Amino acid sequence: MTPALPQVLALVIGVLLPLLTGLVTRSTASSNTRAVTLLGLSAVTSVLTELADTLGTGAAFDVGASALAALGTFVTGVGIHFGLLKGTALSEWAKATSGFIGRRDYDLAA
């Protein structure tokens, strides 16, 4: 049994989403904000991947398959973040970029 293209894409994208989450969130964003952002990106990615497969094959859009792919992508992303990227230079670089999601850190002393 060979895996379907959407399953492979969900796995590959799940590996990259923690870095994308780090790029789009501010360095001051809480871990809850980062988790919700990762969940949202996983859901959007899974819906778009399932939609592309639906348009390519002519089959009906499967909401259940899309939800299951979103869950798998999210779990993969969390595992990659805590297992491989936690504390690495790549993770710190992604977090240090100035994203647009999360609270701003204003300097009140100035």
PDB file of N, CA and C in Angstrom:
ATOM      1  N   MET A   1       0.839  -1.179   0.000  1.00  0.00           N
ATOM      2  CA  MET A   1       0.000   0.000   0.000  1.00  0.00           C
ATOM      3  C   MET A   1       0.887   1.246   0.000  1.00  0.00           C
ATOM      4  N   THR A   2       0.732   2.059  -0.988  1.00  0.00           N
ATOM      5  CA  THR A   2       1.507   3.296  -1.057  1.00  0.00           C
ATOM      6  C   THR A   2       0.682   4.443  -0.469  1.00  0.00           C
ATOM      7  N   PRO A   3       1.332   5.335   0.242  1.00  0.00           N
ATOM      8  CA  PRO A   3       0.594   6.455   0.828  1.00  0.00           C
ATOM      9  C   PRO A   3       0.124   7.422  -0.260  1.00  0.00           C
ATOM     10  N   ALA A   4      -1.009   8.031  -0.022  1.00  0.00           N
ATOM     11  CA  ALA A   4      -1.549   9.009  -0.958  1.00  0.00           C
ATOM     12  C   ALA A   4      -0.767  10.316  -0.844  1.00  0.00           C
ATOM     13  N   LEU A   5      -0.800  11.091  -1.906  1.00  0.00           N
ATOM     14  CA  LEU A   5      -0.077  12.365  -1.929  1.00  0.00           C
ATOM     15  C   LEU A   5      -0.471  13.292  -0.784  1.00  0.00           C
ATOM     16  N   PRO A   6      -1.758  13.439  -0.454  1.00  0.00           N
ATOM     17  CA  PRO A   6      -2.096  14.317   0.682  1.00  0.00           C
ATOM     18  C   PRO A   6      -1.480  13.860   2.002  1.00  0.00           C
ATOM     19  N   GLN A   7      -1.362  12.558   2.207  1.00  0.00           N
ATOM     20  CA  GLN A   7      -0.746  12.052   3.436  1.00  0.00           C
ATOM     21  C   GLN A   7       0.741  12.403   3.488  1.00  0.00           C
ATOM     22  N   VAL A   8       1.417  12.263   2.370  1.00  0.00           N
ATOM     23  CA  VAL A   8       2.843  12.597   2.309  1.00  0.00           C
ATOM     24  C   VAL A   8       3.043  14.090   2.509  1.00  0.00           C
ATOM     25  N   LEU A   9       2.200  14.895   1.858  1.00  0.00           N
ATOM     26  CA  LEU A   9       2.301  16.348   2.024  1.00  0.00           C
ATOM     27  C   LEU A   9       2.040  16.767   3.464  1.00  0.00           C
ATOM     28  N   ALA A  10       1.068  16.160   4.109  1.00  0.00           N
ATOM     29  CA  ALA A  10       0.773  16.487   5.504  1.00  0.00           C
ATOM     30  C   ALA A  10       1.972  16.189   6.399  1.00  0.00           C
ATOM     31  N   LEU A  11       2.657  15.110   6.134  1.00  0.00           N
ATOM     32  CA  LEU A  11       3.835  14.755   6.930  1.00  0.00           C
ATOM     33  C   LEU A  11       4.980  15.740   6.691  1.00  0.00           C
ATOM     34  N   VAL A  12       5.247  16.053   5.438  1.00  0.00           N
ATOM     35  CA  VAL A  12       6.353  16.970   5.112  1.00  0.00           C
ATOM     36  C   VAL A  12       6.059  18.368   5.635  1.00  0.00           C
ATOM     37  N   ILE A  13       4.840  18.832   5.439  1.00  0.00           N
ATOM     38  CA  ILE A  13       4.484  20.169   5.902  1.00  0.00           C
ATOM     39  C   ILE A  13       4.479  20.224   7.424  1.00  0.00           C
ATOM     40  N   GLY A  14       4.095  19.136   8.082  1.00  0.00           N
ATOM     41  CA  GLY A  14       4.122  19.091   9.541  1.00  0.00           C
ATOM     42  C   GLY A  14       5.520  19.279  10.110  1.00  0.00           C
ATOM     43  N   VAL A  15       6.517  18.870   9.346  1.00  0.00           N
ATOM     44  CA  VAL A  15       7.909  19.061   9.769  1.00  0.00           C
ATOM     45  C   VAL A  15       8.305  20.530   9.653  1.00  0.00           C
ATOM     46  N   LEU A  16       7.761  21.227   8.661  1.00  0.00           N
ATOM     47  CA  LEU A  16       8.144  22.621   8.420  1.00  0.00           C
ATOM     48  C   LEU A  16       7.305  23.635   9.199  1.00  0.00           C
ATOM     49  N   LEU A  17       6.121  23.253   9.637  1.00  0.00           N
ATOM     50  CA  LEU A  17       5.229  24.209  10.301  1.00  0.00           C
ATOM     51  C   LEU A  17       5.770  24.801  11.607  1.00  0.00           C
ATOM     52  N   PRO A  18       6.519  24.079  12.426  1.00  0.00           N
ATOM     53  CA  PRO A  18       7.064  24.739  13.623  1.00  0.00           C
ATOM     54  C   PRO A  18       7.969  25.928  13.276  1.00  0.00           C
ATOM     55  N   LEU A  19       8.725  25.810  12.194  1.00  0.00           N
ATOM     56  CA  LEU A  19       9.565  26.939  11.778  1.00  0.00           C
ATOM     57  C   LEU A  19       8.713  28.090  11.269  1.00  0.00           C
ATOM     58  N   LEU A  20       7.681  27.767  10.507  1.00  0.00           N
ATOM     59  CA  LEU A  20       6.785  28.814  10.020  1.00  0.00           C
ATOM     60  C   LEU A  20       6.076  29.491  11.182  1.00  0.00           C
ATOM     61  N   THR A  21       5.690  28.723  12.181  1.00  0.00           N
ATOM     62  CA  THR A  21       5.062  29.292  13.374  1.00  0.00           C
ATOM     63  C   THR A  21       6.010  30.260  14.061  1.00  0.00           C
ATOM     64  N   GLY A  22       7.276  29.882  14.151  1.00  0.00           N
ATOM     65  CA  GLY A  22       8.273  30.770  14.745  1.00  0.00           C
ATOM     66  C   GLY A  22       8.469  32.042  13.945  1.00  0.00           C
ATOM     67  N   LEU A  23       8.319  31.945  12.635  1.00  0.00           N
ATOM     68  CA  LEU A  23       8.502  33.114  11.784  1.00  0.00           C
ATOM     69  C   LEU A  23       7.331  34.085  11.846  1.00  0.00           C
ATOM     70  N   VAL A  24       6.113  33.584  12.013  1.00  0.00           N
ATOM     71  CA  VAL A  24       4.946  34.468  11.990  1.00  0.00           C
ATOM     72  C   VAL A  24       4.537  34.967  13.367  1.00  0.00           C
ATOM     73  N   THR A  25       5.079  34.391  14.440  1.00  0.00           N
ATOM     74  CA  THR A  25       4.753  34.876  15.782  1.00  0.00           C
ATOM     75  C   THR A  25       5.876  35.757  16.295  1.00  0.00           C
ATOM     76  N   ARG A  26       5.498  36.703  17.121  1.00  0.00           N
ATOM     77  CA  ARG A  26       6.508  37.579  17.719  1.00  0.00           C
ATOM     78  C   ARG A  26       7.295  36.807  18.777  1.00  0.00           C
ATOM     79  N   SER A  27       8.484  37.290  19.063  1.00  0.00           N
ATOM     80  CA  SER A  27       9.317  36.614  20.061  1.00  0.00           C
ATOM     81  C   SER A  27       8.701  36.694  21.451  1.00  0.00           C
ATOM     82  N   THR A  28       7.808  37.642  21.674  1.00  0.00           N
ATOM     83  CA  THR A  28       7.157  37.790  22.979  1.00  0.00           C
ATOM     84  C   THR A  28       5.852  36.999  23.076  1.00  0.00           C
ATOM     85  N   ALA A  29       5.477  36.289  22.018  1.00  0.00           N
ATOM     86  CA  ALA A  29       4.223  35.527  22.020  1.00  0.00           C
ATOM     87  C   ALA A  29       4.305  34.392  23.032  1.00  0.00           C
ATOM     88  N   SER A  30       3.191  34.135  23.693  1.00  0.00           N
ATOM     89  CA  SER A  30       3.154  33.059  24.681  1.00  0.00           C
ATOM     90  C   SER A  30       3.150  31.705  23.988  1.00  0.00           C
ATOM     91  N   SER A  31       3.423  30.671  24.753  1.00  0.00           N
ATOM     92  CA  SER A  31       3.405  29.322  24.183  1.00  0.00           C
ATOM     93  C   SER A  31       1.997  28.935  23.744  1.00  0.00           C
ATOM     94  N   ASN A  32       0.976  29.459  24.429  1.00  0.00           N
ATOM     95  CA  ASN A  32      -0.410  29.207  24.013  1.00  0.00           C
ATOM     96  C   ASN A  32      -0.682  29.814  22.638  1.00  0.00           C
ATOM     97  N   THR A  33      -0.199  31.026  22.420  1.00  0.00           N
ATOM     98  CA  THR A  33      -0.369  31.682  21.123  1.00  0.00           C
ATOM     99  C   THR A  33       0.339  30.894  20.033  1.00  0.00           C
ATOM    100  N   ARG A  34       1.524  30.420  20.328  1.00  0.00           N
ATOM    101  CA  ARG A  34       2.261  29.627  19.340  1.00  0.00           C
ATOM    102  C   ARG A  34       1.546  28.308  19.043  1.00  0.00           C
ATOM    103  N   ALA A  35       0.976  27.674  20.068  1.00  0.00           N
ATOM    104  CA  ALA A  35       0.267  26.412  19.869  1.00  0.00           C
ATOM    105  C   ALA A  35      -0.986  26.610  19.023  1.00  0.00           C
ATOM    106  N   VAL A  36      -1.740  27.674  19.309  1.00  0.00           N
ATOM    107  CA  VAL A  36      -2.942  27.955  18.528  1.00  0.00           C
ATOM    108  C   VAL A  36      -2.571  28.316  17.093  1.00  0.00           C
ATOM    109  N   THR A  37      -1.489  29.042  16.915  1.00  0.00           N
ATOM    110  CA  THR A  37      -1.021  29.371  15.566  1.00  0.00           C
ATOM    111  C   THR A  37      -0.639  28.111  14.812  1.00  0.00           C
ATOM    112  N   LEU A  38       0.077  27.204  15.465  1.00  0.00           N
ATOM    113  CA  LEU A  38       0.454  25.937  14.826  1.00  0.00           C
ATOM    114  C   LEU A  38      -0.791  25.127  14.475  1.00  0.00           C
ATOM    115  N   LEU A  39      -1.774  25.109  15.361  1.00  0.00           N
ATOM    116  CA  LEU A  39      -3.019  24.391  15.092  1.00  0.00           C
ATOM    117  C   LEU A  39      -3.751  24.997  13.900  1.00  0.00           C
ATOM    118  N   GLY A  40      -3.821  26.317  13.854  1.00  0.00           N
ATOM    119  CA  GLY A  40      -4.471  26.989  12.735  1.00  0.00           C
ATOM    120  C   GLY A  40      -3.764  26.732  11.419  1.00  0.00           C
ATOM    121  N   LEU A  41      -2.439  26.812  11.423  1.00  0.00           N
ATOM    122  CA  LEU A  41      -1.672  26.532  10.204  1.00  0.00           C
ATOM    123  C   LEU A  41      -1.844  25.081   9.769  1.00  0.00           C
ATOM    124  N   SER A  42      -1.924  24.174  10.726  1.00  0.00           N
ATOM    125  CA  SER A  42      -2.144  22.752  10.405  1.00  0.00           C
ATOM    126  C   SER A  42      -3.507  22.560   9.742  1.00  0.00           C
ATOM    127  N   ALA A  43      -4.526  23.228  10.287  1.00  0.00           N
ATOM    128  CA  ALA A  43      -5.867  23.095   9.726  1.00  0.00           C
ATOM    129  C   ALA A  43      -5.944  23.673   8.320  1.00  0.00           C
ATOM    130  N   VAL A  44      -5.385  24.856   8.127  1.00  0.00           N
ATOM    131  CA  VAL A  44      -5.402  25.480   6.800  1.00  0.00           C
ATOM    132  C   VAL A  44      -4.643  24.631   5.794  1.00  0.00           C
ATOM    133  N   THR A  45      -3.492  24.141   6.190  1.00  0.00           N
ATOM    134  CA  THR A  45      -2.685  23.301   5.305  1.00  0.00           C
ATOM    135  C   THR A  45      -3.437  22.038   4.912  1.00  0.00           C
ATOM    136  N   SER A  46      -4.083  21.415   5.869  1.00  0.00           N
ATOM    137  CA  SER A  46      -4.798  20.165   5.592  1.00  0.00           C
ATOM    138  C   SER A  46      -6.002  20.385   4.684  1.00  0.00           C
ATOM    139  N   VAL A  47      -6.732  21.464   4.909  1.00  0.00           N
ATOM    140  CA  VAL A  47      -7.880  21.762   4.047  1.00  0.00           C
ATOM    141  C   VAL A  47      -7.407  22.047   2.629  1.00  0.00           C
ATOM    142  N   LEU A  48      -6.342  22.839   2.486  1.00  0.00           N
ATOM    143  CA  LEU A  48      -5.832  23.152   1.150  1.00  0.00           C
ATOM    144  C   LEU A  48      -5.283  21.913   0.447  1.00  0.00           C
ATOM    145  N   THR A  49      -4.615  21.048   1.193  1.00  0.00           N
ATOM    146  CA  THR A  49      -4.078  19.819   0.601  1.00  0.00           C
ATOM    147  C   THR A  49      -5.206  18.905   0.151  1.00  0.00           C
ATOM    148  N   GLU A  50      -6.233  18.754   0.976  1.00  0.00           N
ATOM    149  CA  GLU A  50      -7.377  17.918   0.608  1.00  0.00           C
ATOM    150  C   GLU A  50      -8.139  18.532  -0.564  1.00  0.00           C
ATOM    151  N   LEU A  51      -8.246  19.849  -0.589  1.00  0.00           N
ATOM    152  CA  LEU A  51      -8.918  20.530  -1.684  1.00  0.00           C
ATOM    153  C   LEU A  51      -8.158  20.335  -2.993  1.00  0.00           C
ATOM    154  N   ALA A  52      -6.839  20.433  -2.939  1.00  0.00           N
ATOM    155  CA  ALA A  52      -6.034  20.203  -4.144  1.00  0.00           C
ATOM    156  C   ALA A  52      -6.188  18.772  -4.642  1.00  0.00           C
ATOM    157  N   ASP A  53      -6.221  17.823  -3.721  1.00  0.00           N
ATOM    158  CA  ASP A  53      -6.425  16.428  -4.111  1.00  0.00           C
ATOM    159  C   ASP A  53      -7.812  16.232  -4.714  1.00  0.00           C
ATOM    160  N   THR A  54      -8.809  16.891  -4.130  1.00  0.00           N
ATOM    161  CA  THR A  54     -10.173  16.788  -4.640  1.00  0.00           C
ATOM    162  C   THR A  54     -10.270  17.351  -6.057  1.00  0.00           C
ATOM    163  N   LEU A  55      -9.670  18.507  -6.274  1.00  0.00           N
ATOM    164  CA  LEU A  55      -9.703  19.117  -7.609  1.00  0.00           C
ATOM    165  C   LEU A  55      -8.917  18.297  -8.624  1.00  0.00           C
ATOM    166  N   GLY A  56      -7.837  17.667  -8.157  1.00  0.00           N
ATOM    167  CA  GLY A  56      -7.003  16.871  -9.058  1.00  0.00           C
ATOM    168  C   GLY A  56      -7.619  15.548  -9.450  1.00  0.00           C
ATOM    169  N   THR A  57      -8.344  14.934  -8.539  1.00  0.00           N
ATOM    170  CA  THR A  57      -8.910  13.606  -8.817  1.00  0.00           C
ATOM    171  C   THR A  57     -10.381  13.641  -9.193  1.00  0.00           C
ATOM    172  N   GLY A  58     -11.057  14.751  -8.891  1.00  0.00           N
ATOM    173  CA  GLY A  58     -12.480  14.841  -9.176  1.00  0.00           C
ATOM    174  C   GLY A  58     -13.357  14.172  -8.138  1.00  0.00           C
ATOM    175  N   ALA A  59     -12.774  13.705  -7.070  1.00  0.00           N
ATOM    176  CA  ALA A  59     -13.540  13.064  -5.995  1.00  0.00           C
ATOM    177  C   ALA A  59     -14.197  14.133  -5.121  1.00  0.00           C
ATOM    178  N   ALA A  60     -15.083  13.704  -4.254  1.00  0.00           N
ATOM    179  CA  ALA A  60     -15.746  14.629  -3.333  1.00  0.00           C
ATOM    180  C   ALA A  60     -14.782  15.021  -2.210  1.00  0.00           C
ATOM    181  N   PHE A  61     -14.951  16.255  -1.707  1.00  0.00           N
ATOM    182  CA  PHE A  61     -14.133  16.728  -0.595  1.00  0.00           C
ATOM    183  C   PHE A  61     -14.507  15.944   0.658  1.00  0.00           C
ATOM    184  N   ASP A  62     -13.510  15.387   1.329  1.00  0.00           N
ATOM    185  CA  ASP A  62     -13.728  14.566   2.516  1.00  0.00           C
ATOM    186  C   ASP A  62     -13.326  15.357   3.761  1.00  0.00           C
ATOM    187  N   VAL A  63     -14.319  15.835   4.496  1.00  0.00           N
ATOM    188  CA  VAL A  63     -14.066  16.637   5.687  1.00  0.00           C
ATOM    189  C   VAL A  63     -13.350  15.808   6.751  1.00  0.00           C
ATOM    190  N   GLY A  64     -13.743  14.549   6.889  1.00  0.00           N
ATOM    191  CA  GLY A  64     -13.112  13.675   7.881  1.00  0.00           C
ATOM    192  C   GLY A  64     -11.634  13.463   7.597  1.00  0.00           C
ATOM    193  N   ALA A  65     -11.303  13.242   6.334  1.00  0.00           N
ATOM    194  CA  ALA A  65      -9.896  13.060   5.960  1.00  0.00           C
ATOM    195  C   ALA A  65      -9.110  14.341   6.198  1.00  0.00           C
ATOM    196  N   SER A  66      -9.737  15.476   5.928  1.00  0.00           N
ATOM    197  CA  SER A  66      -9.070  16.755   6.156  1.00  0.00           C
ATOM    198  C   SER A  66      -8.834  16.984   7.652  1.00  0.00           C
ATOM    199  N   ALA A  67      -9.823  16.666   8.487  1.00  0.00           N
ATOM    200  CA  ALA A  67      -9.665  16.829   9.942  1.00  0.00           C
ATOM    201  C   ALA A  67      -8.603  15.882  10.493  1.00  0.00           C
ATOM    202  N   LEU A  68      -8.597  14.660   9.988  1.00  0.00           N
ATOM    203  CA  LEU A  68      -7.590  13.697  10.433  1.00  0.00           C
ATOM    204  C   LEU A  68      -6.192  14.133  10.000  1.00  0.00           C
ATOM    205  N   ALA A  69      -6.081  14.670   8.804  1.00  0.00           N
ATOM    206  CA  ALA A  69      -4.787  15.170   8.336  1.00  0.00           C
ATOM    207  C   ALA A  69      -4.339  16.367   9.166  1.00  0.00           C
ATOM    208  N   ALA A  70      -5.279  17.241   9.547  1.00  0.00           N
ATOM    209  CA  ALA A  70      -4.940  18.390  10.392  1.00  0.00           C
ATOM    210  C   ALA A  70      -4.409  17.928  11.739  1.00  0.00           C
ATOM    211  N   LEU A  71      -5.046  16.916  12.310  1.00  0.00           N
ATOM    212  CA  LEU A  71      -4.583  16.375  13.586  1.00  0.00           C
ATOM    213  C   LEU A  71      -3.184  15.768  13.445  1.00  0.00           C
ATOM    214  N   GLY A  72      -2.990  14.992  12.403  1.00  0.00           N
ATOM    215  CA  GLY A  72      -1.672  14.389  12.165  1.00  0.00           C
ATOM    216  C   GLY A  72      -0.594  15.421  11.922  1.00  0.00           C
ATOM    217  N   THR A  73      -0.923  16.462  11.167  1.00  0.00           N
ATOM    218  CA  THR A  73       0.040  17.537  10.899  1.00  0.00           C
ATOM    219  C   THR A  73       0.385  18.278  12.180  1.00  0.00           C
ATOM    220  N   PHE A  74      -0.626  18.544  13.012  1.00  0.00           N
ATOM    221  CA  PHE A  74      -0.396  19.240  14.281  1.00  0.00           C
ATOM    222  C   PHE A  74       0.481  18.408  15.210  1.00  0.00           C
ATOM    223  N   VAL A  75       0.166  17.128  15.334  1.00  0.00           N
ATOM    224  CA  VAL A  75       0.951  16.242  16.207  1.00  0.00           C
ATOM    225  C   VAL A  75       2.391  16.133  15.693  1.00  0.00           C
ATOM    226  N   THR A  76       2.549  16.029  14.384  1.00  0.00           N
ATOM    227  CA  THR A  76       3.897  15.989  13.807  1.00  0.00           C
ATOM    228  C   THR A  76       4.644  17.275  14.106  1.00  0.00           C
ATOM    229  N   GLY A  77       3.969  18.415  13.933  1.00  0.00           N
ATOM    230  CA  GLY A  77       4.605  19.706  14.205  1.00  0.00           C
ATOM    231  C   GLY A  77       5.027  19.861  15.651  1.00  0.00           C
ATOM    232  N   VAL A  78       4.155  19.455  16.578  1.00  0.00           N
ATOM    233  CA  VAL A  78       4.496  19.543  18.008  1.00  0.00           C
ATOM    234  C   VAL A  78       5.666  18.609  18.325  1.00  0.00           C
ATOM    235  N   GLY A  79       5.625  17.410  17.767  1.00  0.00           N
ATOM    236  CA  GLY A  79       6.718  16.462  18.001  1.00  0.00           C
ATOM    237  C   GLY A  79       8.043  16.962  17.460  1.00  0.00           C
ATOM    238  N   ILE A  80       8.016  17.543  16.276  1.00  0.00           N
ATOM    239  CA  ILE A  80       9.247  18.092  15.692  1.00  0.00           C
ATOM    240  C   ILE A  80       9.751  19.247  16.540  1.00  0.00           C
ATOM    241  N   HIS A  81       8.829  20.104  16.985  1.00  0.00           N
ATOM    242  CA  HIS A  81       9.241  21.250  17.798  1.00  0.00           C
ATOM    243  C   HIS A  81       9.913  20.817  19.094  1.00  0.00           C
ATOM    244  N   PHE A  82       9.266  19.915  19.825  1.00  0.00           N
ATOM    245  CA  PHE A  82       9.812  19.510  21.118  1.00  0.00           C
ATOM    246  C   PHE A  82      10.898  18.450  20.998  1.00  0.00           C
ATOM    247  N   GLY A  83      10.880  17.683  19.923  1.00  0.00           N
ATOM    248  CA  GLY A  83      11.848  16.604  19.790  1.00  0.00           C
ATOM    249  C   GLY A  83      13.132  16.983  19.087  1.00  0.00           C
ATOM    250  N   LEU A  84      13.023  17.716  17.999  1.00  0.00           N
ATOM    251  CA  LEU A  84      14.206  18.011  17.188  1.00  0.00           C
ATOM    252  C   LEU A  84      14.649  19.467  17.234  1.00  0.00           C
ATOM    253  N   LEU A  85      13.701  20.393  17.308  1.00  0.00           N
ATOM    254  CA  LEU A  85      14.054  21.799  17.161  1.00  0.00           C
ATOM    255  C   LEU A  85      14.243  22.550  18.478  1.00  0.00           C
ATOM    256  N   LYS A  86      13.749  22.014  19.569  1.00  0.00           N
ATOM    257  CA  LYS A  86      13.804  22.731  20.843  1.00  0.00           C
ATOM    258  C   LYS A  86      15.248  23.054  21.218  1.00  0.00           C
ATOM    259  N   GLY A  87      15.535  24.341  21.348  1.00  0.00           N
ATOM    260  CA  GLY A  87      16.856  24.780  21.774  1.00  0.00           C
ATOM    261  C   GLY A  87      17.909  24.810  20.684  1.00  0.00           C
ATOM    262  N   THR A  88      17.540  24.545  19.447  1.00  0.00           N
ATOM    263  CA  THR A  88      18.529  24.588  18.364  1.00  0.00           C
ATOM    264  C   THR A  88      18.659  26.013  17.841  1.00  0.00           C
ATOM    265  N   ALA A  89      19.722  26.273  17.120  1.00  0.00           N
ATOM    266  CA  ALA A  89      19.947  27.596  16.546  1.00  0.00           C
ATOM    267  C   ALA A  89      18.856  27.946  15.535  1.00  0.00           C
ATOM    268  N   LEU A  90      18.378  26.959  14.798  1.00  0.00           N
ATOM    269  CA  LEU A  90      17.328  27.192  13.812  1.00  0.00           C
ATOM    270  C   LEU A  90      16.036  27.636  14.484  1.00  0.00           C
ATOM    271  N   SER A  91      15.691  27.008  15.578  1.00  0.00           N
ATOM    272  CA  SER A  91      14.485  27.373  16.323  1.00  0.00           C
ATOM    273  C   SER A  91      14.623  28.774  16.920  1.00  0.00           C
ATOM    274  N   GLU A  92      15.772  29.075  17.473  1.00  0.00           N
ATOM    275  CA  GLU A  92      15.999  30.396  18.059  1.00  0.00           C
ATOM    276  C   GLU A  92      15.982  31.486  16.995  1.00  0.00           C
ATOM    277  N   TRP A  93      16.514  31.189  15.823  1.00  0.00           N
ATOM    278  CA  TRP A  93      16.488  32.148  14.718  1.00  0.00           C
ATOM    279  C   TRP A  93      15.054  32.441  14.303  1.00  0.00           C
ATOM    280  N   ALA A  94      14.239  31.394  14.182  1.00  0.00           N
ATOM    281  CA  ALA A  94      12.849  31.582  13.770  1.00  0.00           C
ATOM    282  C   ALA A  94      12.085  32.405  14.804  1.00  0.00           C
ATOM    283  N   LYS A  95      12.352  32.163  16.084  1.00  0.00           N
ATOM    284  CA  LYS A  95      11.667  32.910  17.135  1.00  0.00           C
ATOM    285  C   LYS A  95      12.146  34.358  17.214  1.00  0.00           C
ATOM    286  N   ALA A  96      13.393  34.599  16.840  1.00  0.00           N
ATOM    287  CA  ALA A  96      13.960  35.945  16.936  1.00  0.00           C
ATOM    288  C   ALA A  96      13.458  36.866  15.832  1.00  0.00           C
ATOM    289  N   THR A  97      12.898  36.323  14.774  1.00  0.00           N
ATOM    290  CA  THR A  97      12.372  37.170  13.707  1.00  0.00           C
ATOM    291  C   THR A  97      11.148  37.909  14.217  1.00  0.00           C
ATOM    292  N   SER A  98      10.880  39.044  13.642  1.00  0.00           N
ATOM    293  CA  SER A  98       9.762  39.865  14.094  1.00  0.00           C
ATOM    294  C   SER A  98       8.499  39.455  13.368  1.00  0.00           C
ATOM    295  N   GLY A  99       7.725  38.587  13.971  1.00  0.00           N
ATOM    296  CA  GLY A  99       6.476  38.124  13.381  1.00  0.00           C
ATOM    297  C   GLY A  99       5.355  39.117  13.610  1.00  0.00           C
ATOM    298  N   PHE A 100       4.147  38.731  13.241  1.00  0.00           N
ATOM    299  CA  PHE A 100       3.010  39.631  13.379  1.00  0.00           C
ATOM    300  C   PHE A 100       1.907  39.068  14.271  1.00  0.00           C
ATOM    301  N   ILE A 101       2.104  37.890  14.868  1.00  0.00           N
ATOM    302  CA  ILE A 101       1.093  37.301  15.744  1.00  0.00           C
ATOM    303  C   ILE A 101       1.634  37.303  17.170  1.00  0.00           C
ATOM    304  N   GLY A 102       0.830  37.758  18.116  1.00  0.00           N
ATOM    305  CA  GLY A 102       1.247  37.803  19.520  1.00  0.00           C
ATOM    306  C   GLY A 102       1.330  39.229  20.024  1.00  0.00           C
ATOM    307  N   ARG A 103       1.486  39.351  21.329  1.00  0.00           N
ATOM    308  CA  ARG A 103       1.509  40.685  21.917  1.00  0.00           C
ATOM    309  C   ARG A 103       2.827  41.399  21.593  1.00  0.00           C
ATOM    310  N   ARG A 104       2.750  42.714  21.564  1.00  0.00           N
ATOM    311  CA  ARG A 104       3.946  43.515  21.315  1.00  0.00           C
ATOM    312  C   ARG A 104       4.645  43.786  22.635  1.00  0.00           C
ATOM    313  N   ASP A 105       5.938  43.904  22.574  1.00  0.00           N
ATOM    314  CA  ASP A 105       6.727  44.192  23.771  1.00  0.00           C
ATOM    315  C   ASP A 105       7.120  45.662  23.717  1.00  0.00           C
ATOM    316  N   TYR A 106       6.344  46.479  24.407  1.00  0.00           N
ATOM    317  CA  TYR A 106       6.628  47.920  24.400  1.00  0.00           C
ATOM    318  C   TYR A 106       7.592  48.259  25.523  1.00  0.00           C
ATOM    319  N   ASP A 107       8.496  49.179  25.234  1.00  0.00           N
ATOM    320  CA  ASP A 107       9.452  49.640  26.236  1.00  0.00           C
ATOM    321  C   ASP A 107       8.817  50.829  26.944  1.00  0.00           C
ATOM    322  N   LEU A 108       8.328  50.619  28.146  1.00  0.00           N
ATOM    323  CA  LEU A 108       7.645  51.665  28.888  1.00  0.00           C
ATOM    324  C   LEU A 108       8.607  52.648  29.546  1.00  0.00           C
ATOM    325  N   ALA A 109       9.886  52.312  29.636  1.00  0.00           N
ATOM    326  CA  ALA A 109      10.852  53.178  30.290  1.00  0.00           C
ATOM    327  C   ALA A 109      11.255  54.336  29.403  1.00  0.00           C
ATOM    328  N   ALA A 110      11.103  54.214  28.108  1.00  0.00           N
ATOM    329  CA  ALA A 110      11.552  55.259  27.173  1.00  0.00           C
ATOM    330  C   ALA A 110      10.624  56.431  27.114  1.00  0.00           C
TER     331      ALA A 110
END
